[in-house]
Amino acid sequence: DGRLRTNIGNVTTLDDAIAGCKPAKRI
């Protein structure tokens, strides 16, 4: 209902998850 917004910083695939779980910059 719009009272709460998610805060998603980085979305990746399972194939690229390892790199996505240790990003080069602060997220």
PDB file of all heavy atoms in Angstrom:
ATOM      1  N   ASP A   1       0.813  -1.221   0.000  1.00  0.00           N
ATOM      2  CA  ASP A   1       0.000   0.000   0.000  1.00  0.00           C
ATOM      3  C   ASP A   1       0.849   1.275   0.000  1.00  0.00           C
ATOM      4  O   ASP A   1       0.320   2.381   0.158  1.00  0.00           O
ATOM      5  CB  ASP A   1      -1.005  -0.011   1.147  1.00  0.00           C
ATOM      6  CG  ASP A   1      -0.380  -0.053   2.531  1.00  0.00           C
ATOM      7  OD1 ASP A   1       0.778   0.376   2.680  1.00  0.00           O
ATOM      8  OD2 ASP A   1      -1.048  -0.533   3.470  1.00  0.00           O
ATOM      9  N   GLY A   2       2.159   1.125  -0.178  1.00  0.00           N
ATOM     10  CA  GLY A   2       3.014   2.292  -0.360  1.00  0.00           C
ATOM     11  C   GLY A   2       3.531   2.941   0.901  1.00  0.00           C
ATOM     12  O   GLY A   2       4.211   3.967   0.833  1.00  0.00           O
ATOM     13  N   ARG A   3       3.251   2.358   2.058  1.00  0.00           N
ATOM     14  CA  ARG A   3       3.759   2.948   3.302  1.00  0.00           C
ATOM     15  C   ARG A   3       5.220   2.601   3.564  1.00  0.00           C
ATOM     16  O   ARG A   3       5.869   3.246   4.398  1.00  0.00           O
ATOM     17  CB  ARG A   3       2.915   2.470   4.487  1.00  0.00           C
ATOM     18  CG  ARG A   3       1.519   3.080   4.551  1.00  0.00           C
ATOM     19  CD  ARG A   3       0.757   2.519   5.744  1.00  0.00           C
ATOM     20  NE  ARG A   3       0.362   1.135   5.526  1.00  0.00           N
ATOM     21  CZ  ARG A   3      -0.022   0.316   6.510  1.00  0.00           C
ATOM     22  NH1 ARG A   3      -0.009   0.725   7.764  1.00  0.00           N
ATOM     23  NH2 ARG A   3      -0.397  -0.917   6.227  1.00  0.00           N
ATOM     24  N   LEU A   4       5.741   1.592   2.876  1.00  0.00           N
ATOM     25  CA  LEU A   4       7.102   1.128   3.123  1.00  0.00           C
ATOM     26  C   LEU A   4       7.781   0.871   1.779  1.00  0.00           C
ATOM     27  O   LEU A   4       7.219   0.199   0.911  1.00  0.00           O
ATOM     28  CB  LEU A   4       7.056  -0.165   3.946  1.00  0.00           C
ATOM     29  CG  LEU A   4       8.366  -0.707   4.528  1.00  0.00           C
ATOM     30  CD1 LEU A   4       8.960   0.288   5.519  1.00  0.00           C
ATOM     31  CD2 LEU A   4       8.114  -2.046   5.223  1.00  0.00           C
ATOM     32  N   ARG A   5       8.977   1.450   1.607  1.00  0.00           N
ATOM     33  CA  ARG A   5       9.748   1.236   0.383  1.00  0.00           C
ATOM     34  C   ARG A   5      10.951   0.363   0.688  1.00  0.00           C
ATOM     35  O   ARG A   5      11.598   0.508   1.730  1.00  0.00           O
ATOM     36  CB  ARG A   5      10.234   2.564  -0.198  1.00  0.00           C
ATOM     37  CG  ARG A   5       9.129   3.426  -0.755  1.00  0.00           C
ATOM     38  CD  ARG A   5       9.708   4.574  -1.550  1.00  0.00           C
ATOM     39  NE  ARG A   5      10.463   5.511  -0.714  1.00  0.00           N
ATOM     40  CZ  ARG A   5      11.740   5.792  -0.873  1.00  0.00           C
ATOM     41  NH1 ARG A   5      12.455   5.191  -1.820  1.00  0.00           N
ATOM     42  NH2 ARG A   5      12.338   6.676  -0.091  1.00  0.00           N
ATOM     43  N   THR A   6      11.241  -0.555  -0.222  1.00  0.00           N
ATOM     44  CA  THR A   6      12.422  -1.382  -0.054  1.00  0.00           C
ATOM     45  C   THR A   6      13.667  -0.562  -0.374  1.00  0.00           C
ATOM     46  O   THR A   6      13.607   0.480  -1.025  1.00  0.00           O
ATOM     47  CB  THR A   6      12.369  -2.606  -0.975  1.00  0.00           C
ATOM     48  OG1 THR A   6      12.187  -2.164  -2.321  1.00  0.00           O
ATOM     49  CG2 THR A   6      11.208  -3.509  -0.597  1.00  0.00           C
ATOM     50  N   ASN A   7      14.801  -1.073   0.090  1.00  0.00           N
ATOM     51  CA  ASN A   7      16.074  -0.405  -0.150  1.00  0.00           C
ATOM     52  C   ASN A   7      17.028  -1.442  -0.739  1.00  0.00           C
ATOM     53  O   ASN A   7      17.804  -2.077  -0.023  1.00  0.00           O
ATOM     54  CB  ASN A   7      16.621   0.169   1.159  1.00  0.00           C
ATOM     55  CG  ASN A   7      17.885   0.986   0.955  1.00  0.00           C
ATOM     56  OD1 ASN A   7      18.361   1.157  -0.154  1.00  0.00           O
ATOM     57  ND2 ASN A   7      18.427   1.491   2.046  1.00  0.00           N
ATOM     58  N   ILE A   8      16.923  -1.637  -2.035  1.00  0.00           N
ATOM     59  CA  ILE A   8      17.728  -2.642  -2.727  1.00  0.00           C
ATOM     60  C   ILE A   8      18.926  -1.958  -3.361  1.00  0.00           C
ATOM     61  O   ILE A   8      18.786  -1.036  -4.158  1.00  0.00           O
ATOM     62  CB  ILE A   8      16.887  -3.369  -3.793  1.00  0.00           C
ATOM     63  CG1 ILE A   8      15.713  -4.102  -3.123  1.00  0.00           C
ATOM     64  CG2 ILE A   8      17.744  -4.342  -4.585  1.00  0.00           C
ATOM     65  CD1 ILE A   8      14.735  -4.719  -4.099  1.00  0.00           C
ATOM     66  N   GLY A   9      20.107  -2.435  -2.996  1.00  0.00           N
ATOM     67  CA  GLY A   9      21.314  -1.782  -3.488  1.00  0.00           C
ATOM     68  C   GLY A   9      21.933  -2.438  -4.695  1.00  0.00           C
ATOM     69  O   GLY A   9      22.525  -1.781  -5.541  1.00  0.00           O
ATOM     70  N   ASN A  10      21.825  -3.767  -4.802  1.00  0.00           N
ATOM     71  CA  ASN A  10      22.482  -4.491  -5.883  1.00  0.00           C
ATOM     72  C   ASN A  10      21.694  -5.753  -6.180  1.00  0.00           C
ATOM     73  O   ASN A  10      21.353  -6.507  -5.268  1.00  0.00           O
ATOM     74  CB  ASN A  10      23.915  -4.851  -5.473  1.00  0.00           C
ATOM     75  CG  ASN A  10      24.705  -5.495  -6.597  1.00  0.00           C
ATOM     76  OD1 ASN A  10      24.524  -5.146  -7.756  1.00  0.00           O
ATOM     77  ND2 ASN A  10      25.572  -6.442  -6.256  1.00  0.00           N
ATOM     78  N   VAL A  11      21.376  -5.969  -7.446  1.00  0.00           N
ATOM     79  CA  VAL A  11      20.680  -7.180  -7.877  1.00  0.00           C
ATOM     80  C   VAL A  11      21.556  -7.909  -8.879  1.00  0.00           C
ATOM     81  O   VAL A  11      22.044  -7.305  -9.844  1.00  0.00           O
ATOM     82  CB  VAL A  11      19.312  -6.859  -8.518  1.00  0.00           C
ATOM     83  CG1 VAL A  11      18.620  -8.144  -8.968  1.00  0.00           C
ATOM     84  CG2 VAL A  11      18.427  -6.105  -7.528  1.00  0.00           C
ATOM     85  N   THR A  12      21.763  -9.202  -8.637  1.00  0.00           N
ATOM     86  CA  THR A  12      22.598  -9.993  -9.523  1.00  0.00           C
ATOM     87  C   THR A  12      21.956 -11.362  -9.730  1.00  0.00           C
ATOM     88  O   THR A  12      20.938 -11.681  -9.131  1.00  0.00           O
ATOM     89  CB  THR A  12      24.017 -10.134  -8.941  1.00  0.00           C
ATOM     90  OG1 THR A  12      24.864 -10.798  -9.884  1.00  0.00           O
ATOM     91  CG2 THR A  12      24.002 -10.907  -7.639  1.00  0.00           C
ATOM     92  N   THR A  13      22.538 -12.177 -10.601  1.00  0.00           N
ATOM     93  CA  THR A  13      22.040 -13.519 -10.845  1.00  0.00           C
ATOM     94  C   THR A  13      22.861 -14.529 -10.046  1.00  0.00           C
ATOM     95  O   THR A  13      23.937 -14.204  -9.521  1.00  0.00           O
ATOM     96  CB  THR A  13      22.134 -13.876 -12.332  1.00  0.00           C
ATOM     97  OG1 THR A  13      23.528 -13.899 -12.715  1.00  0.00           O
ATOM     98  CG2 THR A  13      21.389 -12.844 -13.181  1.00  0.00           C
ATOM     99  N   LEU A  14      22.381 -15.755  -9.973  1.00  0.00           N
ATOM    100  CA  LEU A  14      23.131 -16.784  -9.270  1.00  0.00           C
ATOM    101  C   LEU A  14      24.489 -17.004  -9.935  1.00  0.00           C
ATOM    102  O   LEU A  14      25.498 -17.233  -9.251  1.00  0.00           O
ATOM    103  CB  LEU A  14      22.332 -18.092  -9.227  1.00  0.00           C
ATOM    104  CG  LEU A  14      22.884 -19.199  -8.317  1.00  0.00           C
ATOM    105  CD1 LEU A  14      22.933 -18.735  -6.868  1.00  0.00           C
ATOM    106  CD2 LEU A  14      22.047 -20.474  -8.437  1.00  0.00           C
ATOM    107  N   ASP A  15      24.541 -16.923 -11.265  1.00  0.00           N
ATOM    108  CA  ASP A  15      25.812 -17.090 -11.967  1.00  0.00           C
ATOM    109  C   ASP A  15      26.830 -16.024 -11.563  1.00  0.00           C
ATOM    110  O   ASP A  15      28.034 -16.289 -11.530  1.00  0.00           O
ATOM    111  CB  ASP A  15      25.596 -17.017 -13.485  1.00  0.00           C
ATOM    112  CG  ASP A  15      24.921 -18.267 -14.034  1.00  0.00           C
ATOM    113  OD1 ASP A  15      25.144 -19.359 -13.463  1.00  0.00           O
ATOM    114  OD2 ASP A  15      24.163 -18.147 -15.016  1.00  0.00           O
ATOM    115  N   ASP A  16      26.351 -14.834 -11.275  1.00  0.00           N
ATOM    116  CA  ASP A  16      27.235 -13.721 -10.921  1.00  0.00           C
ATOM    117  C   ASP A  16      27.200 -13.394  -9.433  1.00  0.00           C
ATOM    118  O   ASP A  16      27.691 -12.340  -9.012  1.00  0.00           O
ATOM    119  CB  ASP A  16      26.851 -12.474 -11.715  1.00  0.00           C
ATOM    120  CG  ASP A  16      27.022 -12.660 -13.210  1.00  0.00           C
ATOM    121  OD1 ASP A  16      27.989 -13.331 -13.618  1.00  0.00           O
ATOM    122  OD2 ASP A  16      26.176 -12.148 -13.981  1.00  0.00           O
ATOM    123  N   ALA A  17      26.621 -14.296  -8.635  1.00  0.00           N
ATOM    124  CA  ALA A  17      26.395 -13.994  -7.220  1.00  0.00           C
ATOM    125  C   ALA A  17      27.679 -13.800  -6.445  1.00  0.00           C
ATOM    126  O   ALA A  17      27.740 -12.974  -5.526  1.00  0.00           O
ATOM    127  CB  ALA A  17      25.569 -15.103  -6.579  1.00  0.00           C
ATOM    128  N   ILE A  18      28.719 -14.551  -6.766  1.00  0.00           N
ATOM    129  CA  ILE A  18      29.957 -14.443  -5.994  1.00  0.00           C
ATOM    130  C   ILE A  18      30.518 -13.028  -6.088  1.00  0.00           C
ATOM    131  O   ILE A  18      30.879 -12.416  -5.079  1.00  0.00           O
ATOM    132  CB  ILE A  18      30.978 -15.482  -6.463  1.00  0.00           C
ATOM    133  CG1 ILE A  18      30.456 -16.894  -6.145  1.00  0.00           C
ATOM    134  CG2 ILE A  18      32.330 -15.255  -5.808  1.00  0.00           C
ATOM    135  CD1 ILE A  18      31.300 -18.004  -6.714  1.00  0.00           C
ATOM    136  N   ALA A  19      30.562 -12.487  -7.294  1.00  0.00           N
ATOM    137  CA  ALA A  19      31.022 -11.099  -7.451  1.00  0.00           C
ATOM    138  C   ALA A  19      30.049 -10.137  -6.805  1.00  0.00           C
ATOM    139  O   ALA A  19      30.444  -9.137  -6.195  1.00  0.00           O
ATOM    140  CB  ALA A  19      31.198 -10.770  -8.930  1.00  0.00           C
ATOM    141  N   GLY A  20      28.750 -10.418  -6.906  1.00  0.00           N
ATOM    142  CA  GLY A  20      27.740  -9.532  -6.334  1.00  0.00           C
ATOM    143  C   GLY A  20      27.760  -9.494  -4.825  1.00  0.00           C
ATOM    144  O   GLY A  20      27.368  -8.505  -4.212  1.00  0.00           O
ATOM    145  N   CYS A  21      28.226 -10.589  -4.206  1.00  0.00           N
ATOM    146  CA  CYS A  21      28.279 -10.656  -2.741  1.00  0.00           C
ATOM    147  C   CYS A  21      29.546 -10.029  -2.175  1.00  0.00           C
ATOM    148  O   CYS A  21      29.676  -9.899  -0.962  1.00  0.00           O
ATOM    149  CB  CYS A  21      28.172 -12.104  -2.271  1.00  0.00           C
ATOM    150  SG  CYS A  21      26.535 -12.835  -2.546  1.00  0.00           S
ATOM    151  N   LYS A  22      30.475  -9.662  -3.029  1.00  0.00           N
ATOM    152  CA  LYS A  22      31.683  -8.950  -2.584  1.00  0.00           C
ATOM    153  C   LYS A  22      31.951  -7.787  -3.545  1.00  0.00           C
ATOM    154  O   LYS A  22      32.946  -7.773  -4.255  1.00  0.00           O
ATOM    155  CB  LYS A  22      32.875  -9.895  -2.503  1.00  0.00           C
ATOM    156  CG  LYS A  22      33.094 -10.773  -3.726  1.00  0.00           C
ATOM    157  CD  LYS A  22      34.314 -11.673  -3.550  1.00  0.00           C
ATOM    158  CE  LYS A  22      34.525 -12.544  -4.770  1.00  0.00           C
ATOM    159  NZ  LYS A  22      35.675 -13.455  -4.637  1.00  0.00           N
ATOM    160  N   PRO A  23      31.028  -6.809  -3.554  1.00  0.00           N
ATOM    161  CA  PRO A  23      31.140  -5.704  -4.513  1.00  0.00           C
ATOM    162  C   PRO A  23      32.401  -4.879  -4.299  1.00  0.00           C
ATOM    163  O   PRO A  23      32.920  -4.780  -3.192  1.00  0.00           O
ATOM    164  CB  PRO A  23      29.880  -4.873  -4.239  1.00  0.00           C
ATOM    165  CG  PRO A  23      29.522  -5.197  -2.820  1.00  0.00           C
ATOM    166  CD  PRO A  23      29.902  -6.633  -2.633  1.00  0.00           C
ATOM    167  N   ALA A  24      32.887  -4.296  -5.397  1.00  0.00           N
ATOM    168  CA  ALA A  24      34.118  -3.506  -5.328  1.00  0.00           C
ATOM    169  C   ALA A  24      33.904  -2.178  -4.616  1.00  0.00           C
ATOM    170  O   ALA A  24      34.843  -1.587  -4.098  1.00  0.00           O
ATOM    171  CB  ALA A  24      34.644  -3.260  -6.741  1.00  0.00           C
ATOM    172  N   LYS A  25      32.659  -1.698  -4.574  1.00  0.00           N
ATOM    173  CA  LYS A  25      32.395  -0.425  -3.905  1.00  0.00           C
ATOM    174  C   LYS A  25      31.290  -0.602  -2.863  1.00  0.00           C
ATOM    175  O   LYS A  25      30.519  -1.562  -2.900  1.00  0.00           O
ATOM    176  CB  LYS A  25      31.989   0.644  -4.917  1.00  0.00           C
ATOM    177  CG  LYS A  25      30.695   0.341  -5.670  1.00  0.00           C
ATOM    178  CD  LYS A  25      30.369   1.469  -6.638  1.00  0.00           C
ATOM    179  CE  LYS A  25      29.055   1.200  -7.371  1.00  0.00           C
ATOM    180  NZ  LYS A  25      28.702   2.306  -8.295  1.00  0.00           N
ATOM    181  N   ARG A  26      31.225   0.338  -1.935  1.00  0.00           N
ATOM    182  CA  ARG A  26      30.234   0.293  -0.864  1.00  0.00           C
ATOM    183  C   ARG A  26      28.826   0.458  -1.430  1.00  0.00           C
ATOM    184  O   ARG A  26      28.569   1.347  -2.222  1.00  0.00           O
ATOM    185  CB  ARG A  26      30.528   1.408   0.150  1.00  0.00           C
ATOM    186  CG  ARG A  26      29.482   1.576   1.240  1.00  0.00           C
ATOM    187  CD  ARG A  26      29.903   2.697   2.177  1.00  0.00           C
ATOM    188  NE  ARG A  26      28.873   2.989   3.170  1.00  0.00           N
ATOM    189  CZ  ARG A  26      27.976   3.960   3.038  1.00  0.00           C
ATOM    190  NH1 ARG A  26      27.984   4.721   1.951  1.00  0.00           N
ATOM    191  NH2 ARG A  26      27.090   4.181   3.980  1.00  0.00           N
ATOM    192  N   ILE A  27      27.927  -0.437  -1.012  1.00  0.00           N
ATOM    193  CA  ILE A  27      26.532  -0.380  -1.431  1.00  0.00           C
ATOM    194  C   ILE A  27      25.681  -0.279  -0.169  1.00  0.00           C
ATOM    195  O   ILE A  27      25.819  -1.096   0.751  1.00  0.00           O
ATOM    196  CB  ILE A  27      26.142  -1.629  -2.247  1.00  0.00           C
ATOM    197  CG1 ILE A  27      26.958  -1.668  -3.545  1.00  0.00           C
ATOM    198  CG2 ILE A  27      24.658  -1.644  -2.546  1.00  0.00           C
ATOM    199  CD1 ILE A  27      26.753  -2.921  -4.354  1.00  0.00           C
TER     200      ILE A  27
END
